[in-house]
Amino acid sequence: MATIEDVFNNFSKLNIREQLPAIIEAKQYPLIVKVIGQHDKGIDGTGQKITPSYKGKAYSYYKAALNPAAGYGVPDVKVTGSYNAELK
């Protein structure tokens, strides 16, 4: 059985600090595509529908008209900016 020192030494040999940027670069595009696909469907990482407590009836109808695929009252990434235009 490995000792704590053995585990630490083996872990240190992995050079994670040097390898991490390359790992992230290789994995970021597929991850982004997956997350955007989930948001387009209005689901979270577990496949459950996103149902926020902040949804309002009028805005939900508006969003459903923009992208009905996500489902009524479910947020997605199809944002036009008109929701935030009033904040200027």
C-alpha atoms as a PDB file:
ATOM      1  CA  MET A   1       0.000   0.000   0.000  1.00  0.00           C
ATOM      2  CA  ALA A   2       1.278   3.445  -0.949  1.00  0.00           C
ATOM      3  CA  THR A   3       2.152   5.892   1.783  1.00  0.00           C
ATOM      4  CA  ILE A   4       0.992   9.491   1.805  1.00  0.00           C
ATOM      5  CA  GLU A   5       4.491  10.486   0.758  1.00  0.00           C
ATOM      6  CA  ASP A   6       4.356   8.082  -2.214  1.00  0.00           C
ATOM      7  CA  VAL A   7       1.014   9.503  -3.321  1.00  0.00           C
ATOM      8  CA  PHE A   8       2.297  13.065  -2.957  1.00  0.00           C
ATOM      9  CA  ASN A   9       5.473  12.306  -4.928  1.00  0.00           C
ATOM     10  CA  ASN A  10       3.535  10.561  -7.716  1.00  0.00           C
ATOM     11  CA  PHE A  11       1.046  13.423  -7.881  1.00  0.00           C
ATOM     12  CA  SER A  12       3.893  15.956  -8.035  1.00  0.00           C
ATOM     13  CA  LYS A  13       5.371  14.135 -11.051  1.00  0.00           C
ATOM     14  CA  LEU A  14       2.216  14.830 -13.081  1.00  0.00           C
ATOM     15  CA  ASN A  15       3.244  18.477 -13.627  1.00  0.00           C
ATOM     16  CA  ILE A  16      -0.370  19.609 -13.617  1.00  0.00           C
ATOM     17  CA  ARG A  17       0.509  23.327 -13.602  1.00  0.00           C
ATOM     18  CA  GLU A  18       2.362  22.923 -16.898  1.00  0.00           C
ATOM     19  CA  GLN A  19      -0.223  20.617 -18.502  1.00  0.00           C
ATOM     20  CA  LEU A  20      -3.413  22.377 -17.400  1.00  0.00           C
ATOM     21  CA  PRO A  21      -3.473  25.119 -20.096  1.00  0.00           C
ATOM     22  CA  ALA A  22      -3.152  22.495 -22.856  1.00  0.00           C
ATOM     23  CA  ILE A  23      -5.866  20.322 -21.270  1.00  0.00           C
ATOM     24  CA  ILE A  24      -8.247  23.274 -21.021  1.00  0.00           C
ATOM     25  CA  GLU A  25      -7.493  24.330 -24.608  1.00  0.00           C
ATOM     26  CA  ALA A  26      -8.263  20.819 -25.867  1.00  0.00           C
ATOM     27  CA  LYS A  27     -11.532  20.503 -23.932  1.00  0.00           C
ATOM     28  CA  GLN A  28     -13.022  24.009 -24.017  1.00  0.00           C
ATOM     29  CA  TYR A  29     -14.744  23.884 -27.429  1.00  0.00           C
ATOM     30  CA  PRO A  30     -16.656  20.613 -26.838  1.00  0.00           C
ATOM     31  CA  LEU A  31     -17.652  21.852 -23.378  1.00  0.00           C
ATOM     32  CA  ILE A  32     -18.916  25.182 -24.730  1.00  0.00           C
ATOM     33  CA  VAL A  33     -20.928  23.410 -27.439  1.00  0.00           C
ATOM     34  CA  LYS A  34     -22.473  21.097 -24.827  1.00  0.00           C
ATOM     35  CA  VAL A  35     -23.427  23.930 -22.462  1.00  0.00           C
ATOM     36  CA  ILE A  36     -24.925  26.054 -25.249  1.00  0.00           C
ATOM     37  CA  GLY A  37     -26.895  23.025 -26.450  1.00  0.00           C
ATOM     38  CA  GLN A  38     -28.233  22.446 -22.942  1.00  0.00           C
ATOM     39  CA  HIS A  39     -29.244  26.099 -22.604  1.00  0.00           C
ATOM     40  CA  ASP A  40     -30.915  26.088 -26.035  1.00  0.00           C
ATOM     41  CA  LYS A  41     -33.083  23.222 -24.777  1.00  0.00           C
ATOM     42  CA  GLY A  42     -33.625  24.893 -21.401  1.00  0.00           C
ATOM     43  CA  ILE A  43     -32.037  22.053 -19.412  1.00  0.00           C
ATOM     44  CA  ASP A  44     -29.311  21.996 -16.804  1.00  0.00           C
ATOM     45  CA  GLY A  45     -26.331  19.646 -16.534  1.00  0.00           C
ATOM     46  CA  THR A  46     -28.510  16.894 -15.062  1.00  0.00           C
ATOM     47  CA  GLY A  47     -31.078  17.072 -17.876  1.00  0.00           C
ATOM     48  CA  GLN A  48     -33.704  18.805 -15.716  1.00  0.00           C
ATOM     49  CA  LYS A  49     -35.700  21.755 -17.063  1.00  0.00           C
ATOM     50  CA  ILE A  50     -34.427  25.120 -15.851  1.00  0.00           C
ATOM     51  CA  THR A  51     -37.305  26.787 -14.054  1.00  0.00           C
ATOM     52  CA  PRO A  52     -36.197  30.024 -12.438  1.00  0.00           C
ATOM     53  CA  SER A  53     -38.162  31.687  -9.677  1.00  0.00           C
ATOM     54  CA  TYR A  54     -37.700  35.087 -11.347  1.00  0.00           C
ATOM     55  CA  LYS A  55     -39.736  34.325 -14.469  1.00  0.00           C
ATOM     56  CA  GLY A  56     -42.590  36.684 -15.160  1.00  0.00           C
ATOM     57  CA  LYS A  57     -45.617  35.805 -17.264  1.00  0.00           C
ATOM     58  CA  ALA A  58     -45.183  38.588 -19.831  1.00  0.00           C
ATOM     59  CA  TYR A  59     -41.458  38.021 -20.253  1.00  0.00           C
ATOM     60  CA  SER A  60     -41.970  34.253 -20.429  1.00  0.00           C
ATOM     61  CA  TYR A  61     -44.398  34.680 -23.341  1.00  0.00           C
ATOM     62  CA  TYR A  62     -41.912  37.007 -25.024  1.00  0.00           C
ATOM     63  CA  LYS A  63     -39.035  34.510 -24.608  1.00  0.00           C
ATOM     64  CA  ALA A  64     -41.236  31.642 -25.816  1.00  0.00           C
ATOM     65  CA  ALA A  65     -41.922  33.630 -28.977  1.00  0.00           C
ATOM     66  CA  LEU A  66     -38.160  34.104 -29.547  1.00  0.00           C
ATOM     67  CA  ASN A  67     -37.283  30.440 -29.039  1.00  0.00           C
ATOM     68  CA  PRO A  68     -40.119  28.006 -28.304  1.00  0.00           C
ATOM     69  CA  ALA A  69     -37.735  25.007 -28.210  1.00  0.00           C
ATOM     70  CA  ALA A  70     -36.745  25.659 -24.605  1.00  0.00           C
ATOM     71  CA  GLY A  71     -40.334  25.621 -23.373  1.00  0.00           C
ATOM     72  CA  TYR A  72     -42.588  28.218 -21.798  1.00  0.00           C
ATOM     73  CA  GLY A  73     -40.915  30.127 -18.965  1.00  0.00           C
ATOM     74  CA  VAL A  74     -37.538  28.458 -19.426  1.00  0.00           C
ATOM     75  CA  PRO A  75     -34.485  30.675 -20.049  1.00  0.00           C
ATOM     76  CA  ASP A  76     -32.105  29.991 -22.894  1.00  0.00           C
ATOM     77  CA  VAL A  77     -29.139  31.735 -24.543  1.00  0.00           C
ATOM     78  CA  LYS A  78     -31.153  33.324 -27.361  1.00  0.00           C
ATOM     79  CA  VAL A  79     -30.856  36.821 -25.899  1.00  0.00           C
ATOM     80  CA  THR A  80     -31.593  39.781 -28.175  1.00  0.00           C
ATOM     81  CA  GLY A  81     -30.647  42.485 -25.720  1.00  0.00           C
ATOM     82  CA  SER A  82     -34.119  44.033 -25.733  1.00  0.00           C
ATOM     83  CA  TYR A  83     -34.669  42.870 -22.152  1.00  0.00           C
ATOM     84  CA  ASN A  84     -31.691  44.927 -20.984  1.00  0.00           C
ATOM     85  CA  ALA A  85     -32.249  47.859 -23.371  1.00  0.00           C
ATOM     86  CA  GLU A  86     -34.357  49.643 -20.752  1.00  0.00           C
ATOM     87  CA  LEU A  87     -31.412  49.736 -18.334  1.00  0.00           C
ATOM     88  CA  LYS A  88     -29.410  52.251 -20.376  1.00  0.00           C
END
